[in-house]
Amino acid sequence: MIKVENIHKRFDTLEVLKGVSLQINKGEVVSIVGASGAGKTTLLQIIGTLDKPDSGTVEIAGRKVTGMSEKELAAFRNKEIGFIFQFHQLLPEFTALENVMMPALIGNEHFSEAEKRAKDILNRLNLSDRLYHKPNQMSGGERQRVAAARALINNPSVILADEPSGSLDSANKQELHRLLLTMREDFGQTIVIVTHDSELARISDRVVKMQDGVII
């Protein structure tokens, strides 16, 4: 599902990624771990097409994304990749339902279809009583589940999660961990997680450790 070959990335004089290669199979849950500054988030952003490597190639679902135009990347990202961030990144002025619908509407989905699918996903994530609540009316765990629903709305091939449990207490962390595995089982996504959470890494199918810009 994901093939990364010989990725290099430099910010000014700092070489952050030093020839990283990685393959991740369809339906696999992989955690990327390592100390701060190891290059984990930079690698995740490059896989997610939010940043470009200086050299090397990235393939997702059989398509080479390095070399795509910005317009092609935006369309590909909206359809094939779902993101879950540490601080959920929900739009505060919109309800849970509206936040989840947003990627589908950006992808020119008809409003009624997007609304129906968003409600279905939120129901499956036990958020049927939060459809019309705004983020500041929800708990941290609920906000992160809404973010997961938003990531799922376009049925992407890949879910990328950057420290998804980093801002949660222990009870909500456990709930999120169960949710990530449920997402793979119910929706069939390939999931890549950058995390410092040893418990989350433990429940993954595979752990990839990075240090000083390389996979060790």
C-alpha atoms as a PDB file:
ATOM      1  CA  MET A   1       0.000   0.000   0.000  1.00  0.00           C
ATOM      2  CA  ILE A   2       2.844   2.414   0.886  1.00  0.00           C
ATOM      3  CA  LYS A   3       6.307   2.298  -0.652  1.00  0.00           C
ATOM      4  CA  VAL A   4       8.923   4.860   0.357  1.00  0.00           C
ATOM      5  CA  GLU A   5      12.338   4.682  -1.302  1.00  0.00           C
ATOM      6  CA  ASN A   6      15.522   6.516  -0.327  1.00  0.00           C
ATOM      7  CA  ILE A   7      13.839   9.658   1.028  1.00  0.00           C
ATOM      8  CA  HIS A   8      16.107  12.585   1.879  1.00  0.00           C
ATOM      9  CA  LYS A   9      14.882  15.806   3.464  1.00  0.00           C
ATOM     10  CA  ARG A  10      16.846  18.820   4.647  1.00  0.00           C
ATOM     11  CA  PHE A  11      15.738  22.010   6.389  1.00  0.00           C
ATOM     12  CA  ASP A  12      18.484  24.598   5.792  1.00  0.00           C
ATOM     13  CA  THR A  13      21.656  22.906   7.059  1.00  0.00           C
ATOM     14  CA  LEU A  14      19.836  20.233   9.088  1.00  0.00           C
ATOM     15  CA  GLU A  15      19.414  16.886   7.344  1.00  0.00           C
ATOM     16  CA  VAL A  16      16.244  15.437   8.897  1.00  0.00           C
ATOM     17  CA  LEU A  17      15.804  12.311   6.754  1.00  0.00           C
ATOM     18  CA  LYS A  18      18.881  10.484   5.480  1.00  0.00           C
ATOM     19  CA  GLY A  19      17.795   7.942   2.902  1.00  0.00           C
ATOM     20  CA  VAL A  20      14.688   6.384   4.470  1.00  0.00           C
ATOM     21  CA  SER A  21      13.077   3.375   2.767  1.00  0.00           C
ATOM     22  CA  LEU A  22       9.943   1.662   4.062  1.00  0.00           C
ATOM     23  CA  GLN A  23       7.171  -0.610   2.795  1.00  0.00           C
ATOM     24  CA  ILE A  24       3.794  -0.976   4.514  1.00  0.00           C
ATOM     25  CA  ASN A  25       1.280  -3.602   3.446  1.00  0.00           C
ATOM     26  CA  LYS A  26      -2.434  -3.122   2.834  1.00  0.00           C
ATOM     27  CA  GLY A  27      -4.403  -3.379   6.079  1.00  0.00           C
ATOM     28  CA  GLU A  28      -1.318  -3.154   8.290  1.00  0.00           C
ATOM     29  CA  VAL A  29      -1.173  -1.024  11.458  1.00  0.00           C
ATOM     30  CA  VAL A  30       2.361   0.320  11.812  1.00  0.00           C
ATOM     31  CA  SER A  31       3.732   2.545  14.574  1.00  0.00           C
ATOM     32  CA  ILE A  32       6.771   4.741  13.961  1.00  0.00           C
ATOM     33  CA  VAL A  33       8.630   5.443  17.199  1.00  0.00           C
ATOM     34  CA  GLY A  34      11.799   7.228  18.275  1.00  0.00           C
ATOM     35  CA  ALA A  35      13.049  10.222  20.224  1.00  0.00           C
ATOM     36  CA  SER A  36      11.998  13.771  19.379  1.00  0.00           C
ATOM     37  CA  GLY A  37      13.955  14.971  16.359  1.00  0.00           C
ATOM     38  CA  ALA A  38      14.340  11.482  14.895  1.00  0.00           C
ATOM     39  CA  GLY A  39      12.414  12.489  11.744  1.00  0.00           C
ATOM     40  CA  LYS A  40       9.140  10.643  12.442  1.00  0.00           C
ATOM     41  CA  THR A  41       6.698  13.482  11.795  1.00  0.00           C
ATOM     42  CA  THR A  42       8.639  14.699   8.746  1.00  0.00           C
ATOM     43  CA  LEU A  43       8.421  11.192   7.274  1.00  0.00           C
ATOM     44  CA  LEU A  44       4.683  11.025   8.032  1.00  0.00           C
ATOM     45  CA  GLN A  45       4.099  14.417   6.383  1.00  0.00           C
ATOM     46  CA  ILE A  46       5.984  13.285   3.279  1.00  0.00           C
ATOM     47  CA  ILE A  47       3.985  10.035   3.117  1.00  0.00           C
ATOM     48  CA  GLY A  48       0.837  12.148   3.486  1.00  0.00           C
ATOM     49  CA  THR A  49       1.934  14.501   0.665  1.00  0.00           C
ATOM     50  CA  LEU A  50       1.832  17.495   3.054  1.00  0.00           C
ATOM     51  CA  ASP A  51       5.547  17.989   2.391  1.00  0.00           C
ATOM     52  CA  LYS A  52       7.870  16.987  -0.436  1.00  0.00           C
ATOM     53  CA  PRO A  53      11.195  15.156  -0.151  1.00  0.00           C
ATOM     54  CA  ASP A  54      14.382  16.628  -1.583  1.00  0.00           C
ATOM     55  CA  SER A  55      14.948  13.278  -3.282  1.00  0.00           C
ATOM     56  CA  GLY A  56      13.487   9.779  -3.301  1.00  0.00           C
ATOM     57  CA  THR A  57      10.033   8.455  -4.200  1.00  0.00           C
ATOM     58  CA  VAL A  58       6.713   7.770  -2.473  1.00  0.00           C
ATOM     59  CA  GLU A  59       4.053   5.420  -3.855  1.00  0.00           C
ATOM     60  CA  ILE A  60       0.588   5.006  -2.326  1.00  0.00           C
ATOM     61  CA  ALA A  61      -1.935   2.471  -3.605  1.00  0.00           C
ATOM     62  CA  GLY A  62       0.250   1.891  -6.649  1.00  0.00           C
ATOM     63  CA  ARG A  63       0.484   5.566  -7.597  1.00  0.00           C
ATOM     64  CA  LYS A  64       3.697   7.543  -7.505  1.00  0.00           C
ATOM     65  CA  VAL A  65       2.846  10.766  -5.646  1.00  0.00           C
ATOM     66  CA  THR A  66       6.257  12.377  -5.901  1.00  0.00           C
ATOM     67  CA  GLY A  67       6.086  14.368  -9.107  1.00  0.00           C
ATOM     68  CA  MET A  68       2.363  15.131  -8.972  1.00  0.00           C
ATOM     69  CA  SER A  69       1.284  18.752  -9.368  1.00  0.00           C
ATOM     70  CA  GLU A  70      -0.169  20.613  -6.376  1.00  0.00           C
ATOM     71  CA  LYS A  71      -3.682  20.255  -7.810  1.00  0.00           C
ATOM     72  CA  GLU A  72      -3.214  16.512  -8.383  1.00  0.00           C
ATOM     73  CA  LEU A  73      -1.801  16.100  -4.875  1.00  0.00           C
ATOM     74  CA  ALA A  74      -4.722  17.924  -3.278  1.00  0.00           C
ATOM     75  CA  ALA A  75      -7.242  15.706  -5.074  1.00  0.00           C
ATOM     76  CA  PHE A  76      -5.272  12.532  -4.299  1.00  0.00           C
ATOM     77  CA  ARG A  77      -4.851  13.492  -0.633  1.00  0.00           C
ATOM     78  CA  ASN A  78      -8.555  14.242  -0.231  1.00  0.00           C
ATOM     79  CA  LYS A  79      -9.573  10.884  -1.703  1.00  0.00           C
ATOM     80  CA  GLU A  80      -6.873   8.480  -0.526  1.00  0.00           C
ATOM     81  CA  ILE A  81      -5.496   9.787   2.796  1.00  0.00           C
ATOM     82  CA  GLY A  82      -7.196  10.524   6.113  1.00  0.00           C
ATOM     83  CA  PHE A  83      -5.381  12.426   8.871  1.00  0.00           C
ATOM     84  CA  ILE A  84      -5.715  12.306  12.653  1.00  0.00           C
ATOM     85  CA  PHE A  85      -3.652  14.935  14.492  1.00  0.00           C
ATOM     86  CA  GLN A  86      -2.639  15.232  18.141  1.00  0.00           C
ATOM     87  CA  PHE A  87      -4.895  18.237  18.760  1.00  0.00           C
ATOM     88  CA  HIS A  88      -7.781  17.047  16.539  1.00  0.00           C
ATOM     89  CA  GLN A  89      -7.767  20.264  14.402  1.00  0.00           C
ATOM     90  CA  LEU A  90     -11.551  20.505  14.314  1.00  0.00           C
ATOM     91  CA  LEU A  91     -13.055  23.780  13.103  1.00  0.00           C
ATOM     92  CA  PRO A  92     -14.472  25.379  16.278  1.00  0.00           C
ATOM     93  CA  GLU A  93     -17.395  27.177  14.630  1.00  0.00           C
ATOM     94  CA  PHE A  94     -18.819  23.968  13.094  1.00  0.00           C
ATOM     95  CA  THR A  95     -20.674  21.031  14.656  1.00  0.00           C
ATOM     96  CA  ALA A  96     -19.302  17.495  14.799  1.00  0.00           C
ATOM     97  CA  LEU A  97     -21.451  16.564  11.800  1.00  0.00           C
ATOM     98  CA  GLU A  98     -20.285  19.565   9.770  1.00  0.00           C
ATOM     99  CA  ASN A  99     -16.624  18.905  10.602  1.00  0.00           C
ATOM    100  CA  VAL A 100     -16.916  15.296   9.456  1.00  0.00           C
ATOM    101  CA  MET A 101     -18.728  16.255   6.237  1.00  0.00           C
ATOM    102  CA  MET A 102     -16.085  18.802   5.229  1.00  0.00           C
ATOM    103  CA  PRO A 103     -13.670  16.540   3.277  1.00  0.00           C
ATOM    104  CA  ALA A 104     -16.574  14.986   1.358  1.00  0.00           C
ATOM    105  CA  LEU A 105     -17.926  18.410   0.396  1.00  0.00           C
ATOM    106  CA  ILE A 106     -14.434  19.525  -0.658  1.00  0.00           C
ATOM    107  CA  GLY A 107     -14.392  16.432  -2.879  1.00  0.00           C
ATOM    108  CA  ASN A 108     -17.648  17.658  -4.523  1.00  0.00           C
ATOM    109  CA  GLU A 109     -19.850  15.054  -2.852  1.00  0.00           C
ATOM    110  CA  HIS A 110     -23.543  15.906  -2.921  1.00  0.00           C
ATOM    111  CA  PHE A 111     -24.576  17.455   0.412  1.00  0.00           C
ATOM    112  CA  SER A 112     -27.240  14.885   1.269  1.00  0.00           C
ATOM    113  CA  GLU A 113     -24.903  11.952   0.526  1.00  0.00           C
ATOM    114  CA  ALA A 114     -22.099  13.487   2.593  1.00  0.00           C
ATOM    115  CA  GLU A 115     -24.497  14.113   5.475  1.00  0.00           C
ATOM    116  CA  LYS A 116     -25.845  10.558   5.394  1.00  0.00           C
ATOM    117  CA  ARG A 117     -22.380   8.996   5.369  1.00  0.00           C
ATOM    118  CA  ALA A 118     -21.107  11.322   8.114  1.00  0.00           C
ATOM    119  CA  LYS A 119     -24.046  10.385  10.336  1.00  0.00           C
ATOM    120  CA  ASP A 120     -23.439   6.673   9.694  1.00  0.00           C
ATOM    121  CA  ILE A 121     -19.767   6.933  10.680  1.00  0.00           C
ATOM    122  CA  LEU A 122     -20.474   9.056  13.755  1.00  0.00           C
ATOM    123  CA  ASN A 123     -23.105   6.526  14.832  1.00  0.00           C
ATOM    124  CA  ARG A 124     -20.598   3.683  14.459  1.00  0.00           C
ATOM    125  CA  LEU A 125     -18.170   5.621  16.647  1.00  0.00           C
ATOM    126  CA  ASN A 126     -20.864   6.072  19.344  1.00  0.00           C
ATOM    127  CA  LEU A 127     -21.288   9.789  18.693  1.00  0.00           C
ATOM    128  CA  SER A 128     -24.936   9.861  17.604  1.00  0.00           C
ATOM    129  CA  ASP A 129     -25.760  12.131  20.556  1.00  0.00           C
ATOM    130  CA  ARG A 130     -23.026  14.622  19.596  1.00  0.00           C
ATOM    131  CA  LEU A 131     -23.921  15.339  15.969  1.00  0.00           C
ATOM    132  CA  TYR A 132     -24.869  18.954  16.578  1.00  0.00           C
ATOM    133  CA  HIS A 133     -22.356  19.745  19.325  1.00  0.00           C
ATOM    134  CA  LYS A 134     -19.422  22.047  18.603  1.00  0.00           C
ATOM    135  CA  PRO A 135     -15.887  20.999  19.663  1.00  0.00           C
ATOM    136  CA  ASN A 136     -15.937  23.101  22.856  1.00  0.00           C
ATOM    137  CA  GLN A 137     -19.056  21.189  23.958  1.00  0.00           C
ATOM    138  CA  MET A 138     -17.306  17.795  23.729  1.00  0.00           C
ATOM    139  CA  SER A 139     -14.706  15.944  25.798  1.00  0.00           C
ATOM    140  CA  GLY A 140     -11.170  15.378  24.520  1.00  0.00           C
ATOM    141  CA  GLY A 141     -11.963  11.766  23.695  1.00  0.00           C
ATOM    142  CA  GLU A 142     -15.110  12.734  21.815  1.00  0.00           C
ATOM    143  CA  ARG A 143     -13.247  15.375  19.807  1.00  0.00           C
ATOM    144  CA  GLN A 144     -10.625  12.818  18.812  1.00  0.00           C
ATOM    145  CA  ARG A 145     -13.345  10.367  17.724  1.00  0.00           C
ATOM    146  CA  VAL A 146     -14.897  13.130  15.603  1.00  0.00           C
ATOM    147  CA  ALA A 147     -11.449  13.663  14.059  1.00  0.00           C
ATOM    148  CA  ALA A 148     -11.281   9.924  13.325  1.00  0.00           C
ATOM    149  CA  ALA A 149     -14.726  10.071  11.689  1.00  0.00           C
ATOM    150  CA  ARG A 150     -13.553  12.994   9.549  1.00  0.00           C
ATOM    151  CA  ALA A 151     -10.519  10.947   8.497  1.00  0.00           C
ATOM    152  CA  LEU A 152     -12.815   8.102   7.424  1.00  0.00           C
ATOM    153  CA  ILE A 153     -15.480  10.078   5.521  1.00  0.00           C
ATOM    154  CA  ASN A 154     -13.972   9.648   2.041  1.00  0.00           C
ATOM    155  CA  ASN A 155     -13.093   5.975   2.689  1.00  0.00           C
ATOM    156  CA  PRO A 156      -9.359   6.579   2.136  1.00  0.00           C
ATOM    157  CA  SER A 157      -6.826   3.817   1.544  1.00  0.00           C
ATOM    158  CA  VAL A 158      -4.526   5.156   4.265  1.00  0.00           C
ATOM    159  CA  ILE A 159      -5.001   6.745   7.689  1.00  0.00           C
ATOM    160  CA  LEU A 160      -2.038   8.722   9.048  1.00  0.00           C
ATOM    161  CA  ALA A 161      -2.064   9.585  12.751  1.00  0.00           C
ATOM    162  CA  ASP A 162       0.466  11.960  14.336  1.00  0.00           C
ATOM    163  CA  GLU A 163       0.631  11.461  18.133  1.00  0.00           C
ATOM    164  CA  PRO A 164      -3.137  10.792  18.168  1.00  0.00           C
ATOM    165  CA  SER A 165      -3.237  10.000  21.905  1.00  0.00           C
ATOM    166  CA  GLY A 166      -0.734  12.674  22.953  1.00  0.00           C
ATOM    167  CA  SER A 167      -3.320  15.069  24.377  1.00  0.00           C
ATOM    168  CA  LEU A 168      -5.591  12.453  26.003  1.00  0.00           C
ATOM    169  CA  ASP A 169      -5.839  11.098  29.544  1.00  0.00           C
ATOM    170  CA  SER A 170      -5.299   7.374  30.163  1.00  0.00           C
ATOM    171  CA  ALA A 171      -8.969   6.363  29.818  1.00  0.00           C
ATOM    172  CA  ASN A 172      -9.386   8.230  26.542  1.00  0.00           C
ATOM    173  CA  LYS A 173      -6.057   6.859  25.281  1.00  0.00           C
ATOM    174  CA  GLN A 174      -7.312   3.309  25.728  1.00  0.00           C
ATOM    175  CA  GLU A 175     -10.540   4.205  23.950  1.00  0.00           C
ATOM    176  CA  LEU A 176      -8.614   5.702  21.036  1.00  0.00           C
ATOM    177  CA  HIS A 177      -6.363   2.638  20.793  1.00  0.00           C
ATOM    178  CA  ARG A 178      -9.411   0.373  20.535  1.00  0.00           C
ATOM    179  CA  LEU A 179     -10.894   2.741  17.960  1.00  0.00           C
ATOM    180  CA  LEU A 180      -7.824   2.582  15.708  1.00  0.00           C
ATOM    181  CA  LEU A 181      -7.926  -1.214  15.642  1.00  0.00           C
ATOM    182  CA  THR A 182     -11.687  -1.141  15.044  1.00  0.00           C
ATOM    183  CA  MET A 183     -11.143   1.227  12.113  1.00  0.00           C
ATOM    184  CA  ARG A 184      -8.796  -1.278  10.506  1.00  0.00           C
ATOM    185  CA  GLU A 185     -11.173  -4.187  11.125  1.00  0.00           C
ATOM    186  CA  ASP A 186     -14.370  -2.400  10.050  1.00  0.00           C
ATOM    187  CA  PHE A 187     -13.108  -0.145   7.274  1.00  0.00           C
ATOM    188  CA  GLY A 188      -9.982  -1.996   6.047  1.00  0.00           C
ATOM    189  CA  GLN A 189      -7.614   0.961   6.169  1.00  0.00           C
ATOM    190  CA  THR A 190      -3.840   0.845   6.314  1.00  0.00           C
ATOM    191  CA  ILE A 191      -2.882   2.866   9.403  1.00  0.00           C
ATOM    192  CA  VAL A 192       0.461   4.539  10.114  1.00  0.00           C
ATOM    193  CA  ILE A 193       0.934   6.094  13.558  1.00  0.00           C
ATOM    194  CA  VAL A 194       3.716   8.335  14.835  1.00  0.00           C
ATOM    195  CA  THR A 195       3.725   7.916  18.593  1.00  0.00           C
ATOM    196  CA  HIS A 196       5.667   8.140  21.844  1.00  0.00           C
ATOM    197  CA  ASP A 197       2.996   5.968  23.473  1.00  0.00           C
ATOM    198  CA  SER A 198       4.502   2.523  24.185  1.00  0.00           C
ATOM    199  CA  GLU A 199       1.052   0.982  24.716  1.00  0.00           C
ATOM    200  CA  LEU A 200      -0.158   2.166  21.326  1.00  0.00           C
ATOM    201  CA  ALA A 201       3.023   0.886  19.684  1.00  0.00           C
ATOM    202  CA  ARG A 202       2.529  -2.496  21.377  1.00  0.00           C
ATOM    203  CA  ILE A 203      -0.908  -3.102  19.825  1.00  0.00           C
ATOM    204  CA  SER A 204       0.362  -2.325  16.312  1.00  0.00           C
ATOM    205  CA  ASP A 205       1.215  -5.100  13.855  1.00  0.00           C
ATOM    206  CA  ARG A 206       4.732  -3.714  13.478  1.00  0.00           C
ATOM    207  CA  VAL A 207       6.915  -1.069  15.116  1.00  0.00           C
ATOM    208  CA  VAL A 208       9.425   0.916  13.057  1.00  0.00           C
ATOM    209  CA  LYS A 209      12.073   2.702  15.100  1.00  0.00           C
ATOM    210  CA  MET A 210      13.787   5.844  13.843  1.00  0.00           C
ATOM    211  CA  GLN A 211      16.911   7.542  15.116  1.00  0.00           C
ATOM    212  CA  ASP A 212      18.760  10.541  13.692  1.00  0.00           C
ATOM    213  CA  GLY A 213      16.903  10.485  10.382  1.00  0.00           C
ATOM    214  CA  VAL A 214      17.192   6.787   9.600  1.00  0.00           C
ATOM    215  CA  ILE A 215      15.239   3.616  10.362  1.00  0.00           C
ATOM    216  CA  ILE A 216      17.183   1.427  12.759  1.00  0.00           C
END
